[in-house]
Amino acid sequence: MIRKLLPEEKYNLNPQMKRAVVSITNNIAEGHGRYHYQENIQFCRQSRGSLEEIIDDLNVCLDEQYFPEDFIKGLKTNGYELLKAVNGYIEYLKKMKKESE
């Protein structure tokens, strides 16, 4: 989808969205590699922020009519489902942290 953005977005929205998308999984992976729950939680929060950024970028795509509305809405729905999963993982980590204290 990012590759199909208009050429004028080559240096604006395109690289911003690419960085945010990669940041989502990179932060989850880096947090998972940490030895402390609190560090893992913090990286998941950063991942959640990148996900929120992507959802906002999708709003820009919708406002600018870069893609059909139903396509963008489907992506946003997927984003909100992923947001629920990340929030659930954060809650799980909080629970595990509390149990280990």
C-alpha atoms as a PDB file:
ATOM      1  CA  MET A   1       0.000   0.000   0.000  1.00  0.00           C
ATOM      2  CA  ILE A   2       2.781   2.442   0.901  1.00  0.00           C
ATOM      3  CA  ARG A   3       4.432   1.877  -2.484  1.00  0.00           C
ATOM      4  CA  LYS A   4       1.230   2.964  -4.187  1.00  0.00           C
ATOM      5  CA  LEU A   5       1.189   6.418  -2.626  1.00  0.00           C
ATOM      6  CA  LEU A   6       1.410   9.329  -5.025  1.00  0.00           C
ATOM      7  CA  PRO A   7       4.907  10.457  -6.097  1.00  0.00           C
ATOM      8  CA  GLU A   8       4.553  13.730  -4.170  1.00  0.00           C
ATOM      9  CA  GLU A   9       4.460  11.674  -0.952  1.00  0.00           C
ATOM     10  CA  LYS A  10       7.835  10.075  -1.741  1.00  0.00           C
ATOM     11  CA  TYR A  11       9.613  12.224   0.852  1.00  0.00           C
ATOM     12  CA  ASN A  12       6.735  12.859   3.261  1.00  0.00           C
ATOM     13  CA  LEU A  13       4.097  10.289   4.107  1.00  0.00           C
ATOM     14  CA  ASN A  14       5.829   7.340   2.431  1.00  0.00           C
ATOM     15  CA  PRO A  15       9.003   7.200   4.576  1.00  0.00           C
ATOM     16  CA  GLN A  16       7.088   8.212   7.696  1.00  0.00           C
ATOM     17  CA  MET A  17       4.700   5.284   7.312  1.00  0.00           C
ATOM     18  CA  LYS A  18       7.528   2.859   6.501  1.00  0.00           C
ATOM     19  CA  ARG A  19       9.413   3.823   9.665  1.00  0.00           C
ATOM     20  CA  ALA A  20       6.310   3.542  11.828  1.00  0.00           C
ATOM     21  CA  VAL A  21       5.356   0.130  10.412  1.00  0.00           C
ATOM     22  CA  VAL A  22       8.837  -1.278  10.996  1.00  0.00           C
ATOM     23  CA  SER A  23       8.943   0.318  14.441  1.00  0.00           C
ATOM     24  CA  ILE A  24       5.854  -1.605  15.539  1.00  0.00           C
ATOM     25  CA  THR A  25       7.427  -5.034  15.194  1.00  0.00           C
ATOM     26  CA  ASN A  26      10.971  -3.916  16.017  1.00  0.00           C
ATOM     27  CA  ASN A  27       9.921  -2.532  19.387  1.00  0.00           C
ATOM     28  CA  ILE A  28       7.933  -5.640  20.280  1.00  0.00           C
ATOM     29  CA  ALA A  29      10.913  -7.808  19.354  1.00  0.00           C
ATOM     30  CA  GLU A  30      13.392  -5.656  21.249  1.00  0.00           C
ATOM     31  CA  GLY A  31      11.171  -5.577  24.315  1.00  0.00           C
ATOM     32  CA  HIS A  32      10.812  -9.347  24.199  1.00  0.00           C
ATOM     33  CA  GLY A  33      14.583  -9.633  24.281  1.00  0.00           C
ATOM     34  CA  ARG A  34      14.845  -7.678  27.513  1.00  0.00           C
ATOM     35  CA  TYR A  35      15.201  -9.399  30.859  1.00  0.00           C
ATOM     36  CA  HIS A  36      12.866  -7.163  32.824  1.00  0.00           C
ATOM     37  CA  TYR A  37       9.128  -6.855  32.473  1.00  0.00           C
ATOM     38  CA  GLN A  38       9.161  -3.080  32.811  1.00  0.00           C
ATOM     39  CA  GLU A  39      11.540  -2.678  29.879  1.00  0.00           C
ATOM     40  CA  ASN A  40       9.392  -4.989  27.769  1.00  0.00           C
ATOM     41  CA  ILE A  41       6.318  -2.964  28.706  1.00  0.00           C
ATOM     42  CA  GLN A  42       8.029   0.283  27.710  1.00  0.00           C
ATOM     43  CA  PHE A  43       8.991  -1.070  24.289  1.00  0.00           C
ATOM     44  CA  CYS A  44       5.421  -2.286  23.797  1.00  0.00           C
ATOM     45  CA  ARG A  45       4.176   1.204  24.622  1.00  0.00           C
ATOM     46  CA  GLN A  46       6.485   2.606  21.964  1.00  0.00           C
ATOM     47  CA  SER A  47       5.135   0.028  19.534  1.00  0.00           C
ATOM     48  CA  ARG A  48       1.605   1.089  20.440  1.00  0.00           C
ATOM     49  CA  GLY A  49       2.530   4.704  19.698  1.00  0.00           C
ATOM     50  CA  SER A  50       3.826   3.745  16.254  1.00  0.00           C
ATOM     51  CA  LEU A  51       0.611   1.853  15.594  1.00  0.00           C
ATOM     52  CA  GLU A  52      -1.427   4.920  16.546  1.00  0.00           C
ATOM     53  CA  GLU A  53       0.759   6.935  14.172  1.00  0.00           C
ATOM     54  CA  ILE A  54      -0.051   4.551  11.312  1.00  0.00           C
ATOM     55  CA  ILE A  55      -3.775   4.803  12.054  1.00  0.00           C
ATOM     56  CA  ASP A  56      -3.462   8.585  11.906  1.00  0.00           C
ATOM     57  CA  ASP A  57      -1.533   8.356   8.620  1.00  0.00           C
ATOM     58  CA  LEU A  58      -4.384   6.260   7.266  1.00  0.00           C
ATOM     59  CA  ASN A  59      -6.700   9.143   8.167  1.00  0.00           C
ATOM     60  CA  VAL A  60      -4.500  11.405   6.033  1.00  0.00           C
ATOM     61  CA  CYS A  61      -4.755   8.905   3.169  1.00  0.00           C
ATOM     62  CA  LEU A  62      -8.517   8.914   3.587  1.00  0.00           C
ATOM     63  CA  ASP A  63      -8.747  12.716   3.752  1.00  0.00           C
ATOM     64  CA  GLU A  64      -6.577  13.057   0.644  1.00  0.00           C
ATOM     65  CA  GLN A  65      -8.532  10.286  -1.108  1.00  0.00           C
ATOM     66  CA  TYR A  66      -5.367   8.363  -1.970  1.00  0.00           C
ATOM     67  CA  PHE A  67      -7.226   5.057  -1.722  1.00  0.00           C
ATOM     68  CA  PRO A  68     -10.867   3.937  -1.653  1.00  0.00           C
ATOM     69  CA  GLU A  69     -12.622   4.578   1.652  1.00  0.00           C
ATOM     70  CA  ASP A  70     -13.533   0.921   2.230  1.00  0.00           C
ATOM     71  CA  PHE A  71      -9.880  -0.096   1.768  1.00  0.00           C
ATOM     72  CA  ILE A  72      -8.669   2.451   4.347  1.00  0.00           C
ATOM     73  CA  LYS A  73     -11.435   1.534   6.775  1.00  0.00           C
ATOM     74  CA  GLY A  74     -10.430  -2.126   6.504  1.00  0.00           C
ATOM     75  CA  LEU A  75      -6.821  -1.262   7.297  1.00  0.00           C
ATOM     76  CA  LYS A  76      -7.909   0.870  10.245  1.00  0.00           C
ATOM     77  CA  THR A  77     -10.065  -1.987  11.547  1.00  0.00           C
ATOM     78  CA  ASN A  78      -7.017  -4.264  11.366  1.00  0.00           C
ATOM     79  CA  GLY A  79      -5.001  -1.582  13.160  1.00  0.00           C
ATOM     80  CA  TYR A  80      -7.528  -1.364  15.985  1.00  0.00           C
ATOM     81  CA  GLU A  81      -7.501  -5.155  16.348  1.00  0.00           C
ATOM     82  CA  LEU A  82      -3.723  -5.093  16.573  1.00  0.00           C
ATOM     83  CA  LEU A  83      -3.988  -2.290  19.121  1.00  0.00           C
ATOM     84  CA  LYS A  84      -6.208  -4.524  21.268  1.00  0.00           C
ATOM     85  CA  ALA A  85      -3.624  -7.313  21.016  1.00  0.00           C
ATOM     86  CA  VAL A  86      -0.752  -5.022  22.012  1.00  0.00           C
ATOM     87  CA  ASN A  87      -2.761  -3.650  24.933  1.00  0.00           C
ATOM     88  CA  GLY A  88      -3.565  -7.200  26.002  1.00  0.00           C
ATOM     89  CA  TYR A  89       0.111  -8.132  25.881  1.00  0.00           C
ATOM     90  CA  ILE A  90       0.989  -5.068  27.969  1.00  0.00           C
ATOM     91  CA  GLU A  91      -1.610  -6.076  30.557  1.00  0.00           C
ATOM     92  CA  TYR A  92      -0.213  -9.614  30.595  1.00  0.00           C
ATOM     93  CA  LEU A  93       3.302  -8.257  31.165  1.00  0.00           C
ATOM     94  CA  LYS A  94       2.055  -6.037  33.978  1.00  0.00           C
ATOM     95  CA  LYS A  95       0.423  -9.059  35.613  1.00  0.00           C
ATOM     96  CA  MET A  96       3.585 -11.131  35.264  1.00  0.00           C
ATOM     97  CA  LYS A  97       5.659  -8.280  36.687  1.00  0.00           C
ATOM     98  CA  LYS A  98       3.368  -7.990  39.691  1.00  0.00           C
ATOM     99  CA  GLU A  99       3.484 -11.745  40.308  1.00  0.00           C
ATOM    100  CA  SER A 100       7.270 -11.777  40.180  1.00  0.00           C
ATOM    101  CA  GLU A 101       7.681  -9.048  42.805  1.00  0.00           C
END
